[in-house]
């Protein structure tokens, strides 16, 4: 499932739950994904999606630092919630990517074992 599909599902659930902060975060992330897609000129790979997520998270963290310096407690709480939502999305995306890599490795090993056994069987 692509990041865009995941964001659409999250957006639907946030709308049903009437969670305005999560909805705003998801919409801004969706816009960032679309802007990056236009910038590169093709559909995003999983690495591109992670790049967009990490840059969005970095922006929120920089904003959080600036709000701390300015003493804006009201904006600090909102930004922390947005950071947590982005971290959850990043974590899920990274987890899926690592699982895909592990599955590919296991499949390669299985194919190699099958090739070796089939070669042995053909020699008999």
PDB file of N, CA and C in Angstrom:
ATOM      1  N   UNK A   1       0.845  -1.169   0.000  1.00  0.00           N
ATOM      2  CA  UNK A   1       0.000   0.000   0.000  1.00  0.00           C
ATOM      3  C   UNK A   1       0.896   1.240   0.000  1.00  0.00           C
ATOM      4  N   UNK A   2       0.594   2.168  -0.872  1.00  0.00           N
ATOM      5  CA  UNK A   2       1.417   3.366  -0.977  1.00  0.00           C
ATOM      6  C   UNK A   2       1.099   4.342   0.156  1.00  0.00           C
ATOM      7  N   UNK A   3       1.952   5.312   0.292  1.00  0.00           N
ATOM      8  CA  UNK A   3       1.761   6.326   1.329  1.00  0.00           C
ATOM      9  C   UNK A   3       0.481   7.104   1.088  1.00  0.00           C
ATOM     10  N   UNK A   4       0.190   7.379  -0.174  1.00  0.00           N
ATOM     11  CA  UNK A   4      -1.024   8.128  -0.504  1.00  0.00           C
ATOM     12  C   UNK A   4      -2.276   7.364  -0.068  1.00  0.00           C
ATOM     13  N   UNK A   5      -2.294   6.044  -0.283  1.00  0.00           N
ATOM     14  CA  UNK A   5      -3.427   5.218   0.152  1.00  0.00           C
ATOM     15  C   UNK A   5      -3.554   5.217   1.672  1.00  0.00           C
ATOM     16  N   UNK A   6      -2.416   5.112   2.335  1.00  0.00           N
ATOM     17  CA  UNK A   6      -2.409   5.135   3.797  1.00  0.00           C
ATOM     18  C   UNK A   6      -2.935   6.462   4.326  1.00  0.00           C
ATOM     19  N   UNK A   7      -2.505   7.549   3.692  1.00  0.00           N
ATOM     20  CA  UNK A   7      -2.964   8.869   4.117  1.00  0.00           C
ATOM     21  C   UNK A   7      -4.464   9.038   3.895  1.00  0.00           C
ATOM     22  N   UNK A   8      -4.964   8.490   2.800  1.00  0.00           N
ATOM     23  CA  UNK A   8      -6.402   8.576   2.542  1.00  0.00           C
ATOM     24  C   UNK A   8      -7.196   7.821   3.611  1.00  0.00           C
ATOM     25  N   UNK A   9      -6.723   6.639   3.988  1.00  0.00           N
ATOM     26  CA  UNK A   9      -7.397   5.877   5.040  1.00  0.00           C
ATOM     27  C   UNK A   9      -7.336   6.605   6.374  1.00  0.00           C
ATOM     28  N   UNK A  10      -6.171   7.161   6.681  1.00  0.00           N
ATOM     29  CA  UNK A  10      -6.027   7.927   7.925  1.00  0.00           C
ATOM     30  C   UNK A  10      -6.926   9.156   7.918  1.00  0.00           C
ATOM     31  N   UNK A  11      -7.043   9.785   6.752  1.00  0.00           N
ATOM     32  CA  UNK A  11      -7.879  10.975   6.641  1.00  0.00           C
ATOM     33  C   UNK A  11      -9.347  10.622   6.881  1.00  0.00           C
ATOM     34  N   UNK A  12      -9.781   9.515   6.312  1.00  0.00           N
ATOM     35  CA  UNK A  12     -11.167   9.077   6.514  1.00  0.00           C
ATOM     36  C   UNK A  12     -11.446   8.798   7.983  1.00  0.00           C
ATOM     37  N   UNK A  13     -10.519   8.101   8.634  1.00  0.00           N
ATOM     38  CA  UNK A  13     -10.733   7.780  10.051  1.00  0.00           C
ATOM     39  C   UNK A  13     -10.686   9.041  10.916  1.00  0.00           C
ATOM     40  N   UNK A  14      -9.829  10.008  10.556  1.00  0.00           N
ATOM     41  CA  UNK A  14      -9.763  11.260  11.315  1.00  0.00           C
ATOM     42  C   UNK A  14     -11.052  12.067  11.124  1.00  0.00           C
ATOM     43  N   UNK A  15     -11.608  12.011   9.921  1.00  0.00           N
ATOM     44  CA  UNK A  15     -12.874  12.711   9.676  1.00  0.00           C
ATOM     45  C   UNK A  15     -14.000  12.079  10.485  1.00  0.00           C
ATOM     46  N   UNK A  16     -14.037  10.752  10.510  1.00  0.00           N
ATOM     47  CA  UNK A  16     -15.085  10.061  11.266  1.00  0.00           C
ATOM     48  C   UNK A  16     -14.949  10.329  12.758  1.00  0.00           C
ATOM     49  N   UNK A  17     -13.704  10.415  13.236  1.00  0.00           N
ATOM     50  CA  UNK A  17     -13.456  10.662  14.656  1.00  0.00           C
ATOM     51  C   UNK A  17     -13.541  12.149  15.006  1.00  0.00           C
ATOM     52  N   UNK A  18     -13.661  12.986  13.972  1.00  0.00           N
ATOM     53  CA  UNK A  18     -13.716  14.443  14.125  1.00  0.00           C
ATOM     54  C   UNK A  18     -12.477  14.975  14.853  1.00  0.00           C
ATOM     55  N   UNK A  19     -11.345  14.407  14.477  1.00  0.00           N
ATOM     56  CA  UNK A  19     -10.056  14.812  15.037  1.00  0.00           C
ATOM     57  C   UNK A  19      -9.434  15.850  14.102  1.00  0.00           C
ATOM     58  N   UNK A  20      -9.647  17.118  14.424  1.00  0.00           N
ATOM     59  CA  UNK A  20      -9.226  18.205  13.538  1.00  0.00           C
ATOM     60  C   UNK A  20      -7.708  18.310  13.417  1.00  0.00           C
ATOM     61  N   UNK A  21      -7.001  18.098  14.505  1.00  0.00           N
ATOM     62  CA  UNK A  21      -5.537  18.215  14.469  1.00  0.00           C
ATOM     63  C   UNK A  21      -4.909  17.121  13.601  1.00  0.00           C
ATOM     64  N   UNK A  22      -5.392  15.907  13.737  1.00  0.00           N
ATOM     65  CA  UNK A  22      -4.875  14.817  12.911  1.00  0.00           C
ATOM     66  C   UNK A  22      -5.219  15.060  11.445  1.00  0.00           C
ATOM     67  N   UNK A  23      -6.407  15.569  11.210  1.00  0.00           N
ATOM     68  CA  UNK A  23      -6.848  15.852   9.848  1.00  0.00           C
ATOM     69  C   UNK A  23      -5.978  16.926   9.199  1.00  0.00           C
ATOM     70  N   UNK A  24      -5.652  17.967   9.952  1.00  0.00           N
ATOM     71  CA  UNK A  24      -4.791  19.028   9.412  1.00  0.00           C
ATOM     72  C   UNK A  24      -3.393  18.480   9.109  1.00  0.00           C
ATOM     73  N   UNK A  25      -2.883  17.659  10.001  1.00  0.00           N
ATOM     74  CA  UNK A  25      -1.561  17.065   9.800  1.00  0.00           C
ATOM     75  C   UNK A  25      -1.541  16.188   8.554  1.00  0.00           C
ATOM     76  N   UNK A  26      -2.550  15.361   8.404  1.00  0.00           N
ATOM     77  CA  UNK A  26      -2.614  14.455   7.260  1.00  0.00           C
ATOM     78  C   UNK A  26      -2.761  15.241   5.965  1.00  0.00           C
ATOM     79  N   UNK A  27      -3.578  16.271   5.986  1.00  0.00           N
ATOM     80  CA  UNK A  27      -3.753  17.088   4.779  1.00  0.00           C
ATOM     81  C   UNK A  27      -2.456  17.783   4.381  1.00  0.00           C
ATOM     82  N   UNK A  28      -1.735  18.303   5.360  1.00  0.00           N
ATOM     83  CA  UNK A  28      -0.470  18.967   5.031  1.00  0.00           C
ATOM     84  C   UNK A  28       0.552  17.964   4.506  1.00  0.00           C
ATOM     85  N   UNK A  29       0.554  16.778   5.069  1.00  0.00           N
ATOM     86  CA  UNK A  29       1.461  15.733   4.596  1.00  0.00           C
ATOM     87  C   UNK A  29       1.087  15.280   3.190  1.00  0.00           C
ATOM     88  N   UNK A  30      -0.197  15.178   2.938  1.00  0.00           N
ATOM     89  CA  UNK A  30      -0.673  14.805   1.604  1.00  0.00           C
ATOM     90  C   UNK A  30      -0.258  15.856   0.577  1.00  0.00           C
ATOM     91  N   UNK A  31      -0.335  17.124   0.956  1.00  0.00           N
ATOM     92  CA  UNK A  31       0.098  18.208   0.064  1.00  0.00           C
ATOM     93  C   UNK A  31       1.604  18.129  -0.189  1.00  0.00           C
ATOM     94  N   UNK A  32       2.371  17.809   0.855  1.00  0.00           N
ATOM     95  CA  UNK A  32       3.819  17.682   0.697  1.00  0.00           C
ATOM     96  C   UNK A  32       4.165  16.538  -0.246  1.00  0.00           C
ATOM     97  N   UNK A  33       3.424  15.446  -0.140  1.00  0.00           N
ATOM     98  CA  UNK A  33       3.646  14.301  -1.024  1.00  0.00           C
ATOM     99  C   UNK A  33       3.344  14.689  -2.473  1.00  0.00           C
ATOM    100  N   UNK A  34       2.235  15.381  -2.676  1.00  0.00           N
ATOM    101  CA  UNK A  34       1.870  15.797  -4.037  1.00  0.00           C
ATOM    102  C   UNK A  34       2.888  16.783  -4.609  1.00  0.00           C
ATOM    103  N   UNK A  35       3.346  17.712  -3.793  1.00  0.00           N
ATOM    104  CA  UNK A  35       4.356  18.673  -4.255  1.00  0.00           C
ATOM    105  C   UNK A  35       5.652  17.969  -4.645  1.00  0.00           C
ATOM    106  N   UNK A  36       6.061  16.997  -3.857  1.00  0.00           N
ATOM    107  CA  UNK A  36       7.285  16.261  -4.165  1.00  0.00           C
ATOM    108  C   UNK A  36       7.108  15.427  -5.432  1.00  0.00           C
ATOM    109  N   UNK A  37       5.914  14.864  -5.582  1.00  0.00           N
ATOM    110  CA  UNK A  37       5.622  14.065  -6.780  1.00  0.00           C
ATOM    111  C   UNK A  37       5.704  14.934  -8.029  1.00  0.00           C
ATOM    112  N   UNK A  38       5.193  16.148  -7.947  1.00  0.00           N
ATOM    113  CA  UNK A  38       5.275  17.083  -9.070  1.00  0.00           C
ATOM    114  C   UNK A  38       6.720  17.484  -9.316  1.00  0.00           C
ATOM    115  N   UNK A  39       7.460  17.676  -8.240  1.00  0.00           N
ATOM    116  CA  UNK A  39       8.865  18.085  -8.348  1.00  0.00           C
ATOM    117  C   UNK A  39       9.711  17.036  -9.072  1.00  0.00           C
ATOM    118  N   UNK A  40       9.538  15.754  -8.702  1.00  0.00           N
ATOM    119  CA  UNK A  40      10.346  14.710  -9.324  1.00  0.00           C
ATOM    120  C   UNK A  40       9.771  14.253 -10.665  1.00  0.00           C
ATOM    121  N   UNK A  41       8.494  14.455 -10.880  1.00  0.00           N
ATOM    122  CA  UNK A  41       7.896  14.158 -12.172  1.00  0.00           C
ATOM    123  C   UNK A  41       7.508  12.709 -12.398  1.00  0.00           C
ATOM    124  N   UNK A  42       7.447  11.909 -11.372  1.00  0.00           N
ATOM    125  CA  UNK A  42       7.004  10.510 -11.505  1.00  0.00           C
ATOM    126  C   UNK A  42       6.419  10.055 -10.179  1.00  0.00           C
ATOM    127  N   UNK A  43       5.827   8.860 -10.192  1.00  0.00           N
ATOM    128  CA  UNK A  43       5.291   8.314  -8.943  1.00  0.00           C
ATOM    129  C   UNK A  43       6.428   8.091  -7.953  1.00  0.00           C
ATOM    130  N   UNK A  44       6.103   8.251  -6.696  1.00  0.00           N
ATOM    131  CA  UNK A  44       7.133   8.167  -5.668  1.00  0.00           C
ATOM    132  C   UNK A  44       7.467   6.723  -5.324  1.00  0.00           C
ATOM    133  N   UNK A  45       8.740   6.478  -5.131  1.00  0.00           N
ATOM    134  CA  UNK A  45       9.187   5.187  -4.623  1.00  0.00           C
ATOM    135  C   UNK A  45       9.058   5.218  -3.099  1.00  0.00           C
ATOM    136  N   UNK A  46       9.281   4.092  -2.468  1.00  0.00           N
ATOM    137  CA  UNK A  46       9.185   4.063  -1.005  1.00  0.00           C
ATOM    138  C   UNK A  46      10.274   4.928  -0.375  1.00  0.00           C
ATOM    139  N   UNK A  47      11.435   5.021  -1.024  1.00  0.00           N
ATOM    140  CA  UNK A  47      12.494   5.894  -0.509  1.00  0.00           C
ATOM    141  C   UNK A  47      12.082   7.359  -0.612  1.00  0.00           C
ATOM    142  N   UNK A  48      11.431   7.726  -1.724  1.00  0.00           N
ATOM    143  CA  UNK A  48      10.945   9.098  -1.880  1.00  0.00           C
ATOM    144  C   UNK A  48       9.898   9.424  -0.819  1.00  0.00           C
ATOM    145  N   UNK A  49       9.033   8.463  -0.549  1.00  0.00           N
ATOM    146  CA  UNK A  49       7.995   8.676   0.463  1.00  0.00           C
ATOM    147  C   UNK A  49       8.620   8.899   1.832  1.00  0.00           C
ATOM    148  N   UNK A  50       9.651   8.124   2.146  1.00  0.00           N
ATOM    149  CA  UNK A  50      10.339   8.302   3.426  1.00  0.00           C
ATOM    150  C   UNK A  50      11.052   9.653   3.486  1.00  0.00           C
ATOM    151  N   UNK A  51      11.558  10.109   2.346  1.00  0.00           N
ATOM    152  CA  UNK A  51      12.200  11.421   2.286  1.00  0.00           C
ATOM    153  C   UNK A  51      11.197  12.516   2.620  1.00  0.00           C
ATOM    154  N   UNK A  52      10.004  12.417   2.036  1.00  0.00           N
ATOM    155  CA  UNK A  52       8.957  13.414   2.293  1.00  0.00           C
ATOM    156  C   UNK A  52       8.553  13.384   3.758  1.00  0.00           C
ATOM    157  N   UNK A  53       8.372  12.182   4.300  1.00  0.00           N
ATOM    158  CA  UNK A  53       7.990  12.058   5.712  1.00  0.00           C
ATOM    159  C   UNK A  53       9.050  12.628   6.636  1.00  0.00           C
ATOM    160  N   UNK A  54      10.307  12.322   6.361  1.00  0.00           N
ATOM    161  CA  UNK A  54      11.372  12.805   7.249  1.00  0.00           C
ATOM    162  C   UNK A  54      11.528  14.316   7.160  1.00  0.00           C
ATOM    163  N   UNK A  55      11.349  14.889   5.970  1.00  0.00           N
ATOM    164  CA  UNK A  55      11.455  16.347   5.862  1.00  0.00           C
ATOM    165  C   UNK A  55      10.286  17.032   6.569  1.00  0.00           C
ATOM    166  N   UNK A  56       9.093  16.442   6.494  1.00  0.00           N
ATOM    167  CA  UNK A  56       7.945  17.013   7.202  1.00  0.00           C
ATOM    168  C   UNK A  56       8.162  16.942   8.711  1.00  0.00           C
ATOM    169  N   UNK A  57       8.701  15.829   9.174  1.00  0.00           N
ATOM    170  CA  UNK A  57       8.976  15.684  10.601  1.00  0.00           C
ATOM    171  C   UNK A  57      10.057  16.662  11.042  1.00  0.00           C
ATOM    172  N   UNK A  58      11.060  16.850  10.219  1.00  0.00           N
ATOM    173  CA  UNK A  58      12.135  17.790  10.526  1.00  0.00           C
ATOM    174  C   UNK A  58      11.587  19.217  10.633  1.00  0.00           C
ATOM    175  N   UNK A  59      10.685  19.588   9.725  1.00  0.00           N
ATOM    176  CA  UNK A  59      10.078  20.921   9.774  1.00  0.00           C
ATOM    177  C   UNK A  59       9.314  21.118  11.074  1.00  0.00           C
ATOM    178  N   UNK A  60       8.558  20.095  11.489  1.00  0.00           N
ATOM    179  CA  UNK A  60       7.789  20.210  12.733  1.00  0.00           C
ATOM    180  C   UNK A  60       8.720  20.357  13.935  1.00  0.00           C
ATOM    181  N   UNK A  61       9.830  19.615  13.930  1.00  0.00           N
ATOM    182  CA  UNK A  61      10.775  19.702  15.047  1.00  0.00           C
ATOM    183  C   UNK A  61      11.442  21.068  15.107  1.00  0.00           C
ATOM    184  N   UNK A  62      11.762  21.628  13.949  1.00  0.00           N
ATOM    185  CA  UNK A  62      12.345  22.970  13.919  1.00  0.00           C
ATOM    186  C   UNK A  62      11.340  24.003  14.420  1.00  0.00           C
ATOM    187  N   UNK A  63      10.087  23.827  14.034  1.00  0.00           N
ATOM    188  CA  UNK A  63       9.038  24.726  14.526  1.00  0.00           C
ATOM    189  C   UNK A  63       8.902  24.617  16.030  1.00  0.00           C
ATOM    190  N   UNK A  64       8.992  23.409  16.530  1.00  0.00           N
ATOM    191  CA  UNK A  64       8.887  23.175  17.966  1.00  0.00           C
ATOM    192  C   UNK A  64       9.996  23.901  18.724  1.00  0.00           C
ATOM    193  N   UNK A  65      11.210  23.862  18.178  1.00  0.00           N
ATOM    194  CA  UNK A  65      12.328  24.569  18.806  1.00  0.00           C
ATOM    195  C   UNK A  65      12.082  26.075  18.825  1.00  0.00           C
ATOM    196  N   UNK A  66      11.584  26.603  17.719  1.00  0.00           N
ATOM    197  CA  UNK A  66      11.303  28.040  17.646  1.00  0.00           C
ATOM    198  C   UNK A  66      10.191  28.435  18.614  1.00  0.00           C
ATOM    199  N   UNK A  67       9.169  27.601  18.736  1.00  0.00           N
ATOM    200  CA  UNK A  67       8.080  27.892  19.671  1.00  0.00           C
ATOM    201  C   UNK A  67       8.573  27.842  21.111  1.00  0.00           C
ATOM    202  N   UNK A  68       9.510  26.931  21.401  1.00  0.00           N
ATOM    203  CA  UNK A  68      10.094  26.859  22.742  1.00  0.00           C
ATOM    204  C   UNK A  68      10.864  28.130  23.058  1.00  0.00           C
ATOM    205  N   UNK A  69      11.633  28.620  22.074  1.00  0.00           N
ATOM    206  CA  UNK A  69      12.402  29.849  22.278  1.00  0.00           C
ATOM    207  C   UNK A  69      11.487  31.047  22.509  1.00  0.00           C
ATOM    208  N   UNK A  70      10.363  31.067  21.793  1.00  0.00           N
ATOM    209  CA  UNK A  70       9.444  32.193  21.896  1.00  0.00           C
ATOM    210  C   UNK A  70       8.484  32.056  23.076  1.00  0.00           C
ATOM    211  N   UNK A  71       8.455  30.885  23.715  1.00  0.00           N
ATOM    212  CA  UNK A  71       7.569  30.689  24.859  1.00  0.00           C
ATOM    213  C   UNK A  71       6.107  30.530  24.470  1.00  0.00           C
ATOM    214  N   UNK A  72       5.846  29.987  23.295  1.00  0.00           N
ATOM    215  CA  UNK A  72       4.473  29.800  22.809  1.00  0.00           C
ATOM    216  C   UNK A  72       3.969  28.417  23.205  1.00  0.00           C
ATOM    217  N   UNK A  73       3.477  28.311  24.435  1.00  0.00           N
ATOM    218  CA  UNK A  73       3.024  27.031  24.958  1.00  0.00           C
ATOM    219  C   UNK A  73       1.834  26.469  24.192  1.00  0.00           C
ATOM    220  N   UNK A  74       0.966  27.346  23.695  1.00  0.00           N
ATOM    221  CA  UNK A  74      -0.208  26.883  22.950  1.00  0.00           C
ATOM    222  C   UNK A  74       0.197  26.182  21.654  1.00  0.00           C
ATOM    223  N   UNK A  75       1.193  26.725  20.975  1.00  0.00           N
ATOM    224  CA  UNK A  75       1.641  26.122  19.719  1.00  0.00           C
ATOM    225  C   UNK A  75       2.533  24.901  19.944  1.00  0.00           C
ATOM    226  N   UNK A  76       3.187  24.864  21.093  1.00  0.00           N
ATOM    227  CA  UNK A  76       4.050  23.725  21.415  1.00  0.00           C
ATOM    228  C   UNK A  76       3.214  22.453  21.515  1.00  0.00           C
ATOM    229  N   UNK A  77       2.081  22.529  22.210  1.00  0.00           N
ATOM    230  CA  UNK A  77       1.228  21.348  22.379  1.00  0.00           C
ATOM    231  C   UNK A  77       0.698  20.851  21.035  1.00  0.00           C
ATOM    232  N   UNK A  78       0.262  21.765  20.185  1.00  0.00           N
ATOM    233  CA  UNK A  78      -0.250  21.375  18.868  1.00  0.00           C
ATOM    234  C   UNK A  78       0.845  20.724  18.018  1.00  0.00           C
ATOM    235  N   UNK A  79       2.016  21.319  18.038  1.00  0.00           N
ATOM    236  CA  UNK A  79       3.112  20.821  17.216  1.00  0.00           C
ATOM    237  C   UNK A  79       3.590  19.456  17.714  1.00  0.00           C
ATOM    238  N   UNK A  80       3.577  19.240  19.023  1.00  0.00           N
ATOM    239  CA  UNK A  80       3.959  17.929  19.555  1.00  0.00           C
ATOM    240  C   UNK A  80       2.995  16.851  19.081  1.00  0.00           C
ATOM    241  N   UNK A  81       1.702  17.169  19.054  1.00  0.00           N
ATOM    242  CA  UNK A  81       0.713  16.200  18.570  1.00  0.00           C
ATOM    243  C   UNK A  81       0.947  15.885  17.096  1.00  0.00           C
ATOM    244  N   UNK A  82       1.268  16.915  16.317  1.00  0.00           N
ATOM    245  CA  UNK A  82       1.536  16.706  14.895  1.00  0.00           C
ATOM    246  C   UNK A  82       2.791  15.850  14.706  1.00  0.00           C
ATOM    247  N   UNK A  83       3.806  16.112  15.522  1.00  0.00           N
ATOM    248  CA  UNK A  83       5.044  15.322  15.454  1.00  0.00           C
ATOM    249  C   UNK A  83       4.767  13.854  15.778  1.00  0.00           C
ATOM    250  N   UNK A  84       3.946  13.616  16.790  1.00  0.00           N
ATOM    251  CA  UNK A  84       3.627  12.241  17.162  1.00  0.00           C
ATOM    252  C   UNK A  84       2.887  11.520  16.042  1.00  0.00           C
ATOM    253  N   UNK A  85       1.959  12.204  15.394  1.00  0.00           N
ATOM    254  CA  UNK A  85       1.228  11.607  14.276  1.00  0.00           C
ATOM    255  C   UNK A  85       2.187  11.275  13.138  1.00  0.00           C
ATOM    256  N   UNK A  86       3.095  12.193  12.820  1.00  0.00           N
ATOM    257  CA  UNK A  86       4.072  11.955  11.756  1.00  0.00           C
ATOM    258  C   UNK A  86       5.023  10.818  12.115  1.00  0.00           C
ATOM    259  N   UNK A  87       5.419  10.744  13.390  1.00  0.00           N
ATOM    260  CA  UNK A  87       6.296   9.654  13.823  1.00  0.00           C
ATOM    261  C   UNK A  87       5.612   8.304  13.653  1.00  0.00           C
ATOM    262  N   UNK A  88       4.316   8.255  13.973  1.00  0.00           N
ATOM    263  CA  UNK A  88       3.579   7.002  13.803  1.00  0.00           C
ATOM    264  C   UNK A  88       3.534   6.584  12.338  1.00  0.00           C
ATOM    265  N   UNK A  89       3.277   7.534  11.458  1.00  0.00           N
ATOM    266  CA  UNK A  89       3.222   7.235  10.032  1.00  0.00           C
ATOM    267  C   UNK A  89       4.600   6.793   9.541  1.00  0.00           C
ATOM    268  N   UNK A  90       5.657   7.500   9.967  1.00  0.00           N
ATOM    269  CA  UNK A  90       7.033   7.137   9.578  1.00  0.00           C
ATOM    270  C   UNK A  90       7.389   5.740  10.069  1.00  0.00           C
ATOM    271  N   UNK A  91       7.040   5.475  11.318  1.00  0.00           N
ATOM    272  CA  UNK A  91       7.354   4.170  11.906  1.00  0.00           C
ATOM    273  C   UNK A  91       6.668   3.052  11.127  1.00  0.00           C
ATOM    274  N   UNK A  92       5.393   3.248  10.815  1.00  0.00           N
ATOM    275  CA  UNK A  92       4.653   2.226  10.072  1.00  0.00           C
ATOM    276  C   UNK A  92       5.247   2.015   8.684  1.00  0.00           C
ATOM    277  N   UNK A  93       5.622   3.099   8.030  1.00  0.00           N
ATOM    278  CA  UNK A  93       6.192   3.007   6.688  1.00  0.00           C
ATOM    279  C   UNK A  93       7.548   2.302   6.733  1.00  0.00           C
ATOM    280  N   UNK A  94       8.384   2.649   7.716  1.00  0.00           N
ATOM    281  CA  UNK A  94       9.700   2.011   7.850  1.00  0.00           C
ATOM    282  C   UNK A  94       9.556   0.529   8.185  1.00  0.00           C
ATOM    283  N   UNK A  95       8.583   0.213   9.026  1.00  0.00           N
ATOM    284  CA  UNK A  95       8.346  -1.175   9.409  1.00  0.00           C
ATOM    285  C   UNK A  95       7.945  -1.993   8.188  1.00  0.00           C
ATOM    286  N   UNK A  96       7.046  -1.458   7.375  1.00  0.00           N
ATOM    287  CA  UNK A  96       6.621  -2.162   6.163  1.00  0.00           C
ATOM    288  C   UNK A  96       7.787  -2.340   5.204  1.00  0.00           C
ATOM    289  N   UNK A  97       8.630  -1.313   5.094  1.00  0.00           N
ATOM    290  CA  UNK A  97       9.774  -1.400   4.186  1.00  0.00           C
ATOM    291  C   UNK A  97      10.750  -2.474   4.650  1.00  0.00           C
ATOM    292  N   UNK A  98      11.018  -2.530   5.957  1.00  0.00           N
ATOM    293  CA  UNK A  98      11.954  -3.539   6.457  1.00  0.00           C
ATOM    294  C   UNK A  98      11.368  -4.939   6.325  1.00  0.00           C
ATOM    295  N   UNK A  99      10.058  -5.076   6.515  1.00  0.00           N
ATOM    296  CA  UNK A  99       9.432  -6.379   6.333  1.00  0.00           C
ATOM    297  C   UNK A  99       9.524  -6.828   4.882  1.00  0.00           C
ATOM    298  N   UNK A 100       9.329  -5.885   3.955  1.00  0.00           N
ATOM    299  CA  UNK A 100       9.447  -6.220   2.537  1.00  0.00           C
ATOM    300  C   UNK A 100      10.865  -6.683   2.207  1.00  0.00           C
ATOM    301  N   UNK A 101      11.866  -6.014   2.769  1.00  0.00           N
ATOM    302  CA  UNK A 101      13.250  -6.429   2.531  1.00  0.00           C
ATOM    303  C   UNK A 101      13.503  -7.830   3.074  1.00  0.00           C
ATOM    304  N   UNK A 102      12.989  -8.099   4.273  1.00  0.00           N
ATOM    305  CA  UNK A 102      13.175  -9.411   4.871  1.00  0.00           C
ATOM    306  C   UNK A 102      12.497 -10.491   4.035  1.00  0.00           C
ATOM    307  N   UNK A 103      11.303 -10.195   3.548  1.00  0.00           N
ATOM    308  CA  UNK A 103      10.594 -11.168   2.715  1.00  0.00           C
ATOM    309  C   UNK A 103      11.351 -11.439   1.424  1.00  0.00           C
ATOM    310  N   UNK A 104      11.886 -10.386   0.815  1.00  0.00           N
ATOM    311  CA  UNK A 104      12.657 -10.563  -0.412  1.00  0.00           C
ATOM    312  C   UNK A 104      13.884 -11.439  -0.178  1.00  0.00           C
ATOM    313  N   UNK A 105      14.571 -11.196   0.944  1.00  0.00           N
ATOM    314  CA  UNK A 105      15.749 -12.001   1.274  1.00  0.00           C
ATOM    315  C   UNK A 105      15.373 -13.470   1.456  1.00  0.00           C
ATOM    316  N   UNK A 106      14.275 -13.702   2.173  1.00  0.00           N
ATOM    317  CA  UNK A 106      13.831 -15.080   2.400  1.00  0.00           C
ATOM    318  C   UNK A 106      13.442 -15.752   1.086  1.00  0.00           C
ATOM    319  N   UNK A 107      12.775 -15.012   0.221  1.00  0.00           N
ATOM    320  CA  UNK A 107      12.402 -15.564  -1.075  1.00  0.00           C
ATOM    321  C   UNK A 107      13.626 -15.913  -1.911  1.00  0.00           C
ATOM    322  N   UNK A 108      14.624 -15.043  -1.898  1.00  0.00           N
ATOM    323  CA  UNK A 108      15.851 -15.323  -2.643  1.00  0.00           C
ATOM    324  C   UNK A 108      16.520 -16.587  -2.123  1.00  0.00           C
ATOM    325  N   UNK A 109      16.577 -16.726  -0.799  1.00  0.00           N
ATOM    326  CA  UNK A 109      17.183 -17.917  -0.214  1.00  0.00           C
ATOM    327  C   UNK A 109      16.406 -19.168  -0.613  1.00  0.00           C
ATOM    328  N   UNK A 110      15.090 -19.087  -0.576  1.00  0.00           N
ATOM    329  CA  UNK A 110      14.257 -20.233  -0.937  1.00  0.00           C
ATOM    330  C   UNK A 110      14.451 -20.614  -2.395  1.00  0.00           C
ATOM    331  N   UNK A 111      14.520 -19.627  -3.251  1.00  0.00           N
ATOM    332  CA  UNK A 111      14.728 -19.886  -4.680  1.00  0.00           C
ATOM    333  C   UNK A 111      16.082 -20.539  -4.901  1.00  0.00           C
ATOM    334  N   UNK A 112      17.107 -20.065  -4.214  1.00  0.00           N
ATOM    335  CA  UNK A 112      18.434 -20.658  -4.353  1.00  0.00           C
ATOM    336  C   UNK A 112      18.437 -22.110  -3.896  1.00  0.00           C
ATOM    337  N   UNK A 113      17.776 -22.399  -2.798  1.00  0.00           N
ATOM    338  CA  UNK A 113      17.709 -23.769  -2.292  1.00  0.00           C
ATOM    339  C   UNK A 113      16.963 -24.648  -3.295  1.00  0.00           C
ATOM    340  N   UNK A 114      15.857 -24.139  -3.842  1.00  0.00           N
ATOM    341  CA  UNK A 114      15.104 -24.912  -4.820  1.00  0.00           C
ATOM    342  C   UNK A 114      15.914 -25.186  -6.078  1.00  0.00           C
ATOM    343  N   UNK A 115      16.671 -24.201  -6.510  1.00  0.00           N
ATOM    344  CA  UNK A 115      17.509 -24.395  -7.692  1.00  0.00           C
ATOM    345  C   UNK A 115      18.549 -25.491  -7.456  1.00  0.00           C
ATOM    346  N   UNK A 116      19.170 -25.454  -6.274  1.00  0.00           N
ATOM    347  CA  UNK A 116      20.192 -26.453  -5.958  1.00  0.00           C
ATOM    348  C   UNK A 116      19.586 -27.853  -5.908  1.00  0.00           C
ATOM    349  N   UNK A 117      18.424 -27.973  -5.279  1.00  0.00           N
ATOM    350  CA  UNK A 117      17.798 -29.291  -5.175  1.00  0.00           C
ATOM    351  C   UNK A 117      17.300 -29.768  -6.530  1.00  0.00           C
ATOM    352  N   UNK A 118      16.795 -28.860  -7.348  1.00  0.00           N
ATOM    353  CA  UNK A 118      16.313 -29.281  -8.668  1.00  0.00           C
ATOM    354  C   UNK A 118      17.466 -29.719  -9.556  1.00  0.00           C
ATOM    355  N   UNK A 119      18.622 -29.078  -9.446  1.00  0.00           N
ATOM    356  CA  UNK A 119      19.800 -29.468 -10.207  1.00  0.00           C
ATOM    357  C   UNK A 119      20.255 -30.869  -9.768  1.00  0.00           C
ATOM    358  N   UNK A 120      20.212 -31.117  -8.467  1.00  0.00           N
ATOM    359  CA  UNK A 120      20.600 -32.437  -7.948  1.00  0.00           C
ATOM    360  C   UNK A 120      19.644 -33.504  -8.437  1.00  0.00           C
ATOM    361  N   UNK A 121      18.355 -33.191  -8.467  1.00  0.00           N
ATOM    362  CA  UNK A 121      17.363 -34.150  -8.925  1.00  0.00           C
ATOM    363  C   UNK A 121      17.500 -34.440 -10.414  1.00  0.00           C
ATOM    364  N   UNK A 122      17.842 -33.431 -11.190  1.00  0.00           N
ATOM    365  CA  UNK A 122      18.007 -33.620 -12.623  1.00  0.00           C
ATOM    366  C   UNK A 122      19.203 -34.501 -12.936  1.00  0.00           C
ATOM    367  N   UNK A 123      20.219 -34.470 -12.090  1.00  0.00           N
ATOM    368  CA  UNK A 123      21.415 -35.270 -12.315  1.00  0.00           C
ATOM    369  C   UNK A 123      21.128 -36.748 -12.035  1.00  0.00           C
ATOM    370  N   UNK A 124      20.131 -37.020 -11.212  1.00  0.00           N
ATOM    371  CA  UNK A 124      19.829 -38.419 -10.891  1.00  0.00           C
ATOM    372  C   UNK A 124      19.181 -39.033 -12.068  1.00  0.00           C
TER     373      UNK A 124
END
